[in-house]
Amino acid sequence: MITILVVEDTASEMQLIKSYLVAGGYNVITANTGKEGLRKT
């Protein structure tokens, strides 16, 4: 399964993006900042 990292500081937009990606069959990791995203990779 492909994993995608989504970095977005607006919770509602992050949830929307994550919902679309999960529905498309992707595993999604989320982060609120670029720094947090780098820690999760």
N, C-alpha and C. Protein backbone atom coordinates (compact mmCIF):
# COMPACT_ATOMS: atom_id res chain seq x y z
N MET A 1 0.84 -1.18 0.00
CA MET A 1 0.00 0.00 0.00
C MET A 1 0.89 1.24 0.00
N ILE A 2 0.50 2.21 -0.76
CA ILE A 2 1.24 3.47 -0.84
C ILE A 2 0.86 4.36 0.34
N THR A 3 1.87 4.98 0.94
CA THR A 3 1.64 5.90 2.06
C THR A 3 1.94 7.31 1.60
N ILE A 4 1.04 8.23 1.94
CA ILE A 4 1.20 9.63 1.59
C ILE A 4 1.23 10.46 2.86
N LEU A 5 2.17 11.39 2.93
CA LEU A 5 2.27 12.32 4.04
C LEU A 5 1.56 13.61 3.65
N VAL A 6 0.57 14.01 4.44
CA VAL A 6 -0.16 15.25 4.21
C VAL A 6 0.24 16.24 5.30
N VAL A 7 0.77 17.40 4.88
CA VAL A 7 1.13 18.45 5.82
C VAL A 7 0.19 19.63 5.57
N GLU A 8 -0.63 19.92 6.56
CA GLU A 8 -1.63 20.99 6.44
C GLU A 8 -1.93 21.53 7.83
N ASP A 9 -1.94 22.85 7.97
CA ASP A 9 -2.16 23.43 9.30
C ASP A 9 -3.62 23.71 9.61
N THR A 10 -4.51 23.54 8.65
CA THR A 10 -5.94 23.74 8.89
C THR A 10 -6.60 22.37 9.04
N ALA A 11 -7.15 22.11 10.22
CA ALA A 11 -7.67 20.78 10.55
C ALA A 11 -8.76 20.32 9.58
N SER A 12 -9.67 21.20 9.22
CA SER A 12 -10.76 20.80 8.33
C SER A 12 -10.26 20.44 6.94
N GLU A 13 -9.30 21.18 6.43
CA GLU A 13 -8.73 20.87 5.12
C GLU A 13 -7.93 19.58 5.16
N MET A 14 -7.20 19.37 6.26
CA MET A 14 -6.44 18.14 6.40
C MET A 14 -7.37 16.93 6.40
N GLN A 15 -8.47 17.03 7.13
CA GLN A 15 -9.42 15.93 7.20
C GLN A 15 -10.04 15.65 5.83
N LEU A 16 -10.35 16.69 5.08
CA LEU A 16 -10.92 16.53 3.75
C LEU A 16 -9.94 15.82 2.81
N ILE A 17 -8.69 16.27 2.81
CA ILE A 17 -7.67 15.66 1.97
C ILE A 17 -7.47 14.20 2.37
N LYS A 18 -7.36 13.97 3.68
CA LYS A 18 -7.16 12.60 4.17
C LYS A 18 -8.33 11.70 3.77
N SER A 19 -9.54 12.19 3.86
CA SER A 19 -10.72 11.40 3.50
C SER A 19 -10.67 10.96 2.05
N TYR A 20 -10.33 11.89 1.15
CA TYR A 20 -10.23 11.55 -0.27
C TYR A 20 -9.14 10.51 -0.52
N LEU A 21 -8.01 10.69 0.12
CA LEU A 21 -6.90 9.76 -0.11
C LEU A 21 -7.19 8.37 0.44
N VAL A 22 -7.77 8.30 1.63
CA VAL A 22 -8.13 7.01 2.23
C VAL A 22 -9.16 6.30 1.36
N ALA A 23 -10.14 7.06 0.86
CA ALA A 23 -11.16 6.48 -0.03
C ALA A 23 -10.52 5.96 -1.31
N GLY A 24 -9.40 6.55 -1.71
CA GLY A 24 -8.69 6.11 -2.90
C GLY A 24 -7.76 4.95 -2.64
N GLY A 25 -7.72 4.47 -1.39
CA GLY A 25 -6.92 3.29 -1.07
C GLY A 25 -5.52 3.57 -0.56
N TYR A 26 -5.24 4.81 -0.21
CA TYR A 26 -3.91 5.16 0.29
C TYR A 26 -3.86 5.14 1.81
N ASN A 27 -2.70 4.84 2.34
CA ASN A 27 -2.43 4.98 3.77
C ASN A 27 -1.96 6.43 3.95
N VAL A 28 -2.52 7.15 4.92
CA VAL A 28 -2.23 8.57 5.08
C VAL A 28 -1.65 8.86 6.46
N ILE A 29 -0.54 9.59 6.46
CA ILE A 29 0.06 10.11 7.68
C ILE A 29 -0.14 11.62 7.63
N THR A 30 -0.54 12.22 8.73
CA THR A 30 -0.80 13.66 8.75
C THR A 30 0.15 14.38 9.70
N ALA A 31 0.40 15.64 9.37
CA ALA A 31 1.22 16.51 10.22
C ALA A 31 0.70 17.93 10.08
N ASN A 32 0.85 18.70 11.14
CA ASN A 32 0.38 20.09 11.14
C ASN A 32 1.42 21.08 10.64
N THR A 33 2.69 20.72 10.71
CA THR A 33 3.77 21.60 10.27
C THR A 33 4.78 20.81 9.46
N GLY A 34 5.58 21.51 8.69
CA GLY A 34 6.64 20.85 7.93
C GLY A 34 7.63 20.14 8.84
N LYS A 35 7.94 20.77 9.94
CA LYS A 35 8.89 20.18 10.90
C LYS A 35 8.35 18.86 11.45
N GLU A 36 7.07 18.87 11.81
CA GLU A 36 6.43 17.64 12.31
C GLU A 36 6.40 16.57 11.21
N GLY A 37 6.13 17.00 9.98
CA GLY A 37 6.12 16.06 8.86
C GLY A 37 7.47 15.41 8.66
N LEU A 38 8.54 16.17 8.78
CA LEU A 38 9.88 15.61 8.62
C LEU A 38 10.19 14.59 9.71
N ARG A 39 9.70 14.83 10.91
CA ARG A 39 9.92 13.88 12.02
C ARG A 39 9.19 12.56 11.76
N LYS A 40 8.11 12.60 11.00
CA LYS A 40 7.31 11.40 10.76
C LYS A 40 7.79 10.57 9.58
N THR A 41 8.81 11.08 8.87
CA THR A 41 9.32 10.34 7.71
C THR A 41 10.51 9.51 8.08
